[in-house]
PDB file of all heavy atoms in Angstrom:
ATOM      1  N   PHE A   1       0.843  -1.199  -0.016  1.00  0.00           N
ATOM      2  CA  PHE A   1       0.000   0.002   0.006  1.00  0.00           C
ATOM      3  C   PHE A   1       0.862   1.226   0.003  1.00  0.00           C
ATOM      4  O   PHE A   1       0.604   2.208  -0.699  1.00  0.00           O
ATOM      5  CB  PHE A   1      -0.910  -0.008   1.229  1.00  0.00           C
ATOM      6  CG  PHE A   1      -2.100   0.863   1.132  1.00  0.00           C
ATOM      7  CD1 PHE A   1      -3.141   0.529   0.244  1.00  0.00           C
ATOM      8  CD2 PHE A   1      -2.204   2.005   1.863  1.00  0.00           C
ATOM      9  CE1 PHE A   1      -4.245   1.350   0.132  1.00  0.00           C
ATOM     10  CE2 PHE A   1      -3.311   2.835   1.776  1.00  0.00           C
ATOM     11  CZ  PHE A   1      -4.337   2.502   0.913  1.00  0.00           C
ATOM     12  N   PHE A   2       1.967   1.253   0.764  1.00  0.00           N
ATOM     13  CA  PHE A   2       2.897   2.375   0.819  1.00  0.00           C
ATOM     14  C   PHE A   2       3.525   2.592  -0.573  1.00  0.00           C
ATOM     15  O   PHE A   2       3.702   3.721  -0.998  1.00  0.00           O
ATOM     16  CB  PHE A   2       3.972   2.127   1.896  1.00  0.00           C
ATOM     17  CG  PHE A   2       4.960   3.221   2.025  1.00  0.00           C
ATOM     18  CD1 PHE A   2       4.585   4.471   2.504  1.00  0.00           C
ATOM     19  CD2 PHE A   2       6.268   3.000   1.667  1.00  0.00           C
ATOM     20  CE1 PHE A   2       5.513   5.491   2.626  1.00  0.00           C
ATOM     21  CE2 PHE A   2       7.206   4.030   1.789  1.00  0.00           C
ATOM     22  CZ  PHE A   2       6.847   5.286   2.255  1.00  0.00           C
ATOM     23  N   TRP A   3       3.915   1.495  -1.218  1.00  0.00           N
ATOM     24  CA  TRP A   3       4.491   1.594  -2.546  1.00  0.00           C
ATOM     25  C   TRP A   3       3.498   2.199  -3.555  1.00  0.00           C
ATOM     26  O   TRP A   3       3.886   2.981  -4.386  1.00  0.00           O
ATOM     27  CB  TRP A   3       4.981   0.228  -3.019  1.00  0.00           C
ATOM     28  CG  TRP A   3       5.688   0.290  -4.308  1.00  0.00           C
ATOM     29  CD1 TRP A   3       5.237  -0.228  -5.496  1.00  0.00           C
ATOM     30  CD2 TRP A   3       6.947   0.902  -4.598  1.00  0.00           C
ATOM     31  NE1 TRP A   3       6.155   0.009  -6.487  1.00  0.00           N
ATOM     32  CE2 TRP A   3       7.221   0.714  -5.973  1.00  0.00           C
ATOM     33  CE3 TRP A   3       7.889   1.564  -3.829  1.00  0.00           C
ATOM     34  CZ2 TRP A   3       8.358   1.181  -6.567  1.00  0.00           C
ATOM     35  CZ3 TRP A   3       9.023   2.018  -4.447  1.00  0.00           C
ATOM     36  CH2 TRP A   3       9.263   1.822  -5.797  1.00  0.00           C
ATOM     37  N   LEU A   4       2.242   1.811  -3.433  1.00  0.00           N
ATOM     38  CA  LEU A   4       1.198   2.381  -4.277  1.00  0.00           C
ATOM     39  C   LEU A   4       1.097   3.896  -4.066  1.00  0.00           C
ATOM     40  O   LEU A   4       0.979   4.658  -5.006  1.00  0.00           O
ATOM     41  CB  LEU A   4      -0.155   1.713  -4.008  1.00  0.00           C
ATOM     42  CG  LEU A   4      -1.329   2.283  -4.736  1.00  0.00           C
ATOM     43  CD1 LEU A   4      -1.223   2.028  -6.229  1.00  0.00           C
ATOM     44  CD2 LEU A   4      -2.619   1.677  -4.211  1.00  0.00           C
ATOM     45  N   VAL A   5       1.156   4.314  -2.810  1.00  0.00           N
ATOM     46  CA  VAL A   5       1.089   5.759  -2.498  1.00  0.00           C
ATOM     47  C   VAL A   5       2.293   6.488  -3.127  1.00  0.00           C
ATOM     48  O   VAL A   5       2.127   7.566  -3.704  1.00  0.00           O
ATOM     49  CB  VAL A   5       1.045   5.972  -0.958  1.00  0.00           C
ATOM     50  CG1 VAL A   5       1.275   7.434  -0.616  1.00  0.00           C
ATOM     51  CG2 VAL A   5      -0.269   5.480  -0.403  1.00  0.00           C
ATOM     52  N   ILE A   6       3.448   5.896  -3.046  1.00  0.00           N
ATOM     53  CA  ILE A   6       4.646   6.475  -3.667  1.00  0.00           C
ATOM     54  C   ILE A   6       4.449   6.645  -5.184  1.00  0.00           C
ATOM     55  O   ILE A   6       4.743   7.705  -5.748  1.00  0.00           O
ATOM     56  CB  ILE A   6       5.902   5.677  -3.380  1.00  0.00           C
ATOM     57  CG1 ILE A   6       6.267   5.821  -1.909  1.00  0.00           C
ATOM     58  CG2 ILE A   6       7.074   6.094  -4.273  1.00  0.00           C
ATOM     59  CD1 ILE A   6       7.402   4.870  -1.476  1.00  0.00           C
ATOM     60  N   MET A   7       3.961   5.610  -5.823  1.00  0.00           N
ATOM     61  CA  MET A   7       3.703   5.677  -7.292  1.00  0.00           C
ATOM     62  C   MET A   7       2.688   6.744  -7.641  1.00  0.00           C
ATOM     63  O   MET A   7       2.869   7.459  -8.622  1.00  0.00           O
ATOM     64  CB  MET A   7       3.293   4.324  -7.821  1.00  0.00           C
ATOM     65  CG  MET A   7       4.411   3.305  -7.768  1.00  0.00           C
ATOM     66  SD  MET A   7       4.111   1.744  -8.630  1.00  0.00           S
ATOM     67  CE  MET A   7       2.420   1.408  -8.390  1.00  0.00           C
ATOM     68  N   ILE A   8       1.632   6.861  -6.835  1.00  0.00           N
ATOM     69  CA  ILE A   8       0.622   7.874  -7.103  1.00  0.00           C
ATOM     70  C   ILE A   8       1.195   9.261  -6.897  1.00  0.00           C
ATOM     71  O   ILE A   8       0.909  10.177  -7.726  1.00  0.00           O
ATOM     72  CB  ILE A   8      -0.612   7.639  -6.215  1.00  0.00           C
ATOM     73  CG1 ILE A   8      -1.384   6.385  -6.656  1.00  0.00           C
ATOM     74  CG2 ILE A   8      -1.533   8.847  -6.205  1.00  0.00           C
ATOM     75  CD1 ILE A   8      -2.484   5.933  -5.754  1.00  0.00           C
ATOM     76  N   ILE A   9       2.008   9.451  -5.896  1.00  0.00           N
ATOM     77  CA  ILE A   9       2.625  10.765  -5.672  1.00  0.00           C
ATOM     78  C   ILE A   9       3.510  11.162  -6.836  1.00  0.00           C
ATOM     79  O   ILE A   9       3.461  12.308  -7.339  1.00  0.00           O
ATOM     80  CB  ILE A   9       3.388  10.787  -4.336  1.00  0.00           C
ATOM     81  CG1 ILE A   9       2.416  10.770  -3.133  1.00  0.00           C
ATOM     82  CG2 ILE A   9       4.300  11.969  -4.233  1.00  0.00           C
ATOM     83  CD1 ILE A   9       3.064  10.556  -1.784  1.00  0.00           C
ATOM     84  N   PHE A  10       4.328  10.245  -7.316  1.00  0.00           N
ATOM     85  CA  PHE A  10       5.201  10.559  -8.425  1.00  0.00           C
ATOM     86  C   PHE A  10       4.429  10.791  -9.728  1.00  0.00           C
ATOM     87  O   PHE A  10       4.757  11.692 -10.513  1.00  0.00           O
ATOM     88  CB  PHE A  10       6.253   9.460  -8.655  1.00  0.00           C
ATOM     89  CG  PHE A  10       7.422   9.547  -7.708  1.00  0.00           C
ATOM     90  CD1 PHE A  10       7.878   8.393  -7.042  1.00  0.00           C
ATOM     91  CD2 PHE A  10       8.065  10.733  -7.458  1.00  0.00           C
ATOM     92  CE1 PHE A  10       8.916   8.468  -6.157  1.00  0.00           C
ATOM     93  CE2 PHE A  10       9.131  10.813  -6.587  1.00  0.00           C
ATOM     94  CZ  PHE A  10       9.563   9.673  -5.923  1.00  0.00           C
ATOM     95  N   ALA A  11       3.370  10.001  -9.929  1.00  0.00           N
ATOM     96  CA  ALA A  11       2.559  10.236 -11.120  1.00  0.00           C
ATOM     97  C   ALA A  11       1.847  11.583 -11.071  1.00  0.00           C
ATOM     98  O   ALA A  11       1.797  12.317 -12.054  1.00  0.00           O
ATOM     99  CB  ALA A  11       1.526   9.113 -11.274  1.00  0.00           C
ATOM    100  N   TYR A  12       1.344  11.963  -9.878  1.00  0.00           N
ATOM    101  CA  TYR A  12       0.707  13.233  -9.735  1.00  0.00           C
ATOM    102  C   TYR A  12       1.703  14.384  -9.867  1.00  0.00           C
ATOM    103  O   TYR A  12       1.400  15.424 -10.417  1.00  0.00           O
ATOM    104  CB  TYR A  12      -0.031  13.309  -8.390  1.00  0.00           C
ATOM    105  CG  TYR A  12      -0.975  14.489  -8.325  1.00  0.00           C
ATOM    106  CD1 TYR A  12      -2.081  14.572  -9.141  1.00  0.00           C
ATOM    107  CD2 TYR A  12      -0.733  15.543  -7.448  1.00  0.00           C
ATOM    108  CE1 TYR A  12      -2.954  15.650  -9.095  1.00  0.00           C
ATOM    109  CE2 TYR A  12      -1.595  16.624  -7.380  1.00  0.00           C
ATOM    110  CZ  TYR A  12      -2.696  16.684  -8.211  1.00  0.00           C
ATOM    111  OH  TYR A  12      -3.540  17.757  -8.144  1.00  0.00           O
ATOM    112  N   ALA A  13       2.922  14.201  -9.357  1.00  0.00           N
ATOM    113  CA  ALA A  13       3.955  15.207  -9.508  1.00  0.00           C
ATOM    114  C   ALA A  13       4.278  15.439 -10.980  1.00  0.00           C
ATOM    115  O   ALA A  13       4.470  16.577 -11.409  1.00  0.00           O
ATOM    116  CB  ALA A  13       5.216  14.816  -8.747  1.00  0.00           C
ATOM    117  N   ASP A  14       4.319  14.373 -11.773  1.00  0.00           N
ATOM    118  CA  ASP A  14       4.520  14.505 -13.195  1.00  0.00           C
ATOM    119  C   ASP A  14       3.342  15.229 -13.842  1.00  0.00           C
ATOM    120  O   ASP A  14       3.537  16.100 -14.703  1.00  0.00           O
ATOM    121  CB  ASP A  14       4.713  13.127 -13.819  1.00  0.00           C
ATOM    122  CG  ASP A  14       4.886  13.189 -15.326  1.00  0.00           C
ATOM    123  OD1 ASP A  14       5.823  13.892 -15.767  1.00  0.00           O
ATOM    124  OD2 ASP A  14       4.089  12.574 -16.037  1.00  0.00           O
ATOM    125  N   TYR A  15       2.136  14.901 -13.393  1.00  0.00           N
ATOM    126  CA  TYR A  15       0.950  15.515 -13.984  1.00  0.00           C
ATOM    127  C   TYR A  15       0.879  17.008 -13.717  1.00  0.00           C
ATOM    128  O   TYR A  15       0.586  17.792 -14.634  1.00  0.00           O
ATOM    129  CB  TYR A  15      -0.281  14.814 -13.394  1.00  0.00           C
ATOM    130  CG  TYR A  15      -1.594  15.451 -13.791  1.00  0.00           C
ATOM    131  CD1 TYR A  15      -2.125  15.286 -15.067  1.00  0.00           C
ATOM    132  CD2 TYR A  15      -2.287  16.250 -12.878  1.00  0.00           C
ATOM    133  CE1 TYR A  15      -3.297  15.875 -15.457  1.00  0.00           C
ATOM    134  CE2 TYR A  15      -3.486  16.813 -13.255  1.00  0.00           C
ATOM    135  CZ  TYR A  15      -3.987  16.668 -14.532  1.00  0.00           C
ATOM    136  OH  TYR A  15      -5.162  17.222 -14.900  1.00  0.00           O
ATOM    137  N   ILE A  16       1.180  17.427 -12.497  1.00  0.00           N
ATOM    138  CA  ILE A  16       1.053  18.861 -12.200  1.00  0.00           C
ATOM    139  C   ILE A  16       2.174  19.687 -12.776  1.00  0.00           C
ATOM    140  O   ILE A  16       2.042  20.889 -12.917  1.00  0.00           O
ATOM    141  CB  ILE A  16       0.928  19.116 -10.693  1.00  0.00           C
ATOM    142  CG1 ILE A  16       2.205  18.664  -9.935  1.00  0.00           C
ATOM    143  CG2 ILE A  16      -0.275  18.463 -10.115  1.00  0.00           C
ATOM    144  CD1 ILE A  16       2.227  19.098  -8.483  1.00  0.00           C
ATOM    145  N   THR A  17       3.283  19.053 -13.159  1.00  0.00           N
ATOM    146  CA  THR A  17       4.374  19.842 -13.808  1.00  0.00           C
ATOM    147  C   THR A  17       4.249  19.937 -15.304  1.00  0.00           C
ATOM    148  O   THR A  17       4.988  20.652 -15.943  1.00  0.00           O
ATOM    149  CB  THR A  17       5.741  19.255 -13.464  1.00  0.00           C
ATOM    150  OG1 THR A  17       5.781  17.904 -13.902  1.00  0.00           O
ATOM    151  CG2 THR A  17       5.980  19.318 -11.950  1.00  0.00           C
ATOM    152  N   ARG A  18       3.298  19.236 -15.902  1.00  0.00           N
ATOM    153  CA  ARG A  18       3.146  19.277 -17.368  1.00  0.00           C
ATOM    154  C   ARG A  18       2.897  20.668 -17.926  1.00  0.00           C
ATOM    155  O   ARG A  18       3.434  21.051 -18.926  1.00  0.00           O
ATOM    156  CB  ARG A  18       2.052  18.315 -17.804  1.00  0.00           C
ATOM    157  CG  ARG A  18       2.369  16.873 -17.624  1.00  0.00           C
ATOM    158  CD  ARG A  18       3.296  16.402 -18.675  1.00  0.00           C
ATOM    159  NE  ARG A  18       3.741  15.051 -18.368  1.00  0.00           N
ATOM    160  CZ  ARG A  18       4.260  14.253 -19.228  1.00  0.00           C
ATOM    161  NH1 ARG A  18       4.432  14.643 -20.483  1.00  0.00           N
ATOM    162  NH2 ARG A  18       4.647  13.076 -18.872  1.00  0.00           N
ATOM    163  N   PRO A  19       1.991  21.480 -17.328  1.00  0.00           N
ATOM    164  CA  PRO A  19       1.744  22.812 -17.916  1.00  0.00           C
ATOM    165  C   PRO A  19       2.956  23.734 -17.876  1.00  0.00           C
ATOM    166  O   PRO A  19       2.965  24.740 -18.557  1.00  0.00           O
ATOM    167  CB  PRO A  19       0.619  23.396 -17.052  1.00  0.00           C
ATOM    168  CG  PRO A  19       0.022  22.220 -16.346  1.00  0.00           C
ATOM    169  CD  PRO A  19       1.103  21.190 -16.240  1.00  0.00           C
ATOM    170  N   TRP A  20       3.981  23.423 -17.085  1.00  0.00           N
ATOM    171  CA  TRP A  20       5.135  24.293 -16.951  1.00  0.00           C
ATOM    172  C   TRP A  20       6.246  23.944 -17.932  1.00  0.00           C
ATOM    173  O   TRP A  20       7.351  24.402 -17.767  1.00  0.00           O
ATOM    174  CB  TRP A  20       5.676  24.208 -15.558  1.00  0.00           C
ATOM    175  CG  TRP A  20       4.712  24.565 -14.457  1.00  0.00           C
ATOM    176  CD1 TRP A  20       3.558  25.317 -14.645  1.00  0.00           C
ATOM    177  CD2 TRP A  20       4.783  24.231 -13.123  1.00  0.00           C
ATOM    178  NE1 TRP A  20       2.935  25.438 -13.452  1.00  0.00           N
ATOM    179  CE2 TRP A  20       3.641  24.803 -12.502  1.00  0.00           C
ATOM    180  CE3 TRP A  20       5.661  23.496 -12.352  1.00  0.00           C
ATOM    181  CZ2 TRP A  20       3.395  24.655 -11.136  1.00  0.00           C
ATOM    182  CZ3 TRP A  20       5.414  23.366 -11.003  1.00  0.00           C
ATOM    183  CH2 TRP A  20       4.302  23.932 -10.375  1.00  0.00           C
ATOM    184  N   GLU A  21       5.933  23.145 -18.926  1.00  0.00           N
ATOM    185  CA  GLU A  21       6.956  22.767 -19.883  1.00  0.00           C
ATOM    186  C   GLU A  21       7.437  24.019 -20.679  1.00  0.00           C
ATOM    187  O   GLU A  21       6.595  24.808 -21.111  1.00  0.00           O
ATOM    188  CB  GLU A  21       6.434  21.754 -20.871  1.00  0.00           C
ATOM    189  CG  GLU A  21       6.106  20.411 -20.223  1.00  0.00           C
ATOM    190  CD  GLU A  21       5.484  19.441 -21.232  1.00  0.00           C
ATOM    191  OE1 GLU A  21       5.045  19.877 -22.282  1.00  0.00           O
ATOM    192  OE2 GLU A  21       5.427  18.262 -20.879  1.00  0.00           O
ATOM    193  N   PRO A  22       8.742  24.159 -20.873  1.00  0.00           N
ATOM    194  CA  PRO A  22       9.229  25.337 -21.600  1.00  0.00           C
ATOM    195  C   PRO A  22       8.809  25.275 -23.090  1.00  0.00           C
ATOM    196  O   PRO A  22       8.559  26.292 -23.691  1.00  0.00           O
ATOM    197  CB  PRO A  22      10.744  25.261 -21.445  1.00  0.00           C
ATOM    198  CG  PRO A  22      11.006  23.858 -21.049  1.00  0.00           C
ATOM    199  CD  PRO A  22       9.806  23.318 -20.368  1.00  0.00           C
ATOM    200  N   VAL A  23       8.797  24.086 -23.629  1.00  0.00           N
ATOM    201  CA  VAL A  23       8.399  23.886 -25.015  1.00  0.00           C
ATOM    202  C   VAL A  23       7.321  22.794 -25.040  1.00  0.00           C
ATOM    203  O   VAL A  23       7.537  21.759 -24.424  1.00  0.00           O
ATOM    204  CB  VAL A  23       9.647  23.466 -25.874  1.00  0.00           C
ATOM    205  CG1 VAL A  23       9.219  23.210 -27.323  1.00  0.00           C
ATOM    206  CG2 VAL A  23      10.717  24.518 -25.792  1.00  0.00           C
ATOM    207  N   PRO A  24       6.227  22.999 -25.737  1.00  0.00           N
ATOM    208  CA  PRO A  24       5.196  21.957 -25.786  1.00  0.00           C
ATOM    209  C   PRO A  24       5.808  20.637 -26.313  1.00  0.00           C
ATOM    210  O   PRO A  24       6.528  20.621 -27.313  1.00  0.00           O
ATOM    211  CB  PRO A  24       4.138  22.494 -26.750  1.00  0.00           C
ATOM    212  CG  PRO A  24       4.329  23.960 -26.709  1.00  0.00           C
ATOM    213  CD  PRO A  24       5.811  24.159 -26.437  1.00  0.00           C
TER     214      PRO A  24
END
């Protein structure tokens, strides 16, 4: 369950940083 939480956190971190890409 802890490993699942880690994977969700990293996936969400990737998701929220997408709009900040310097180049589409």
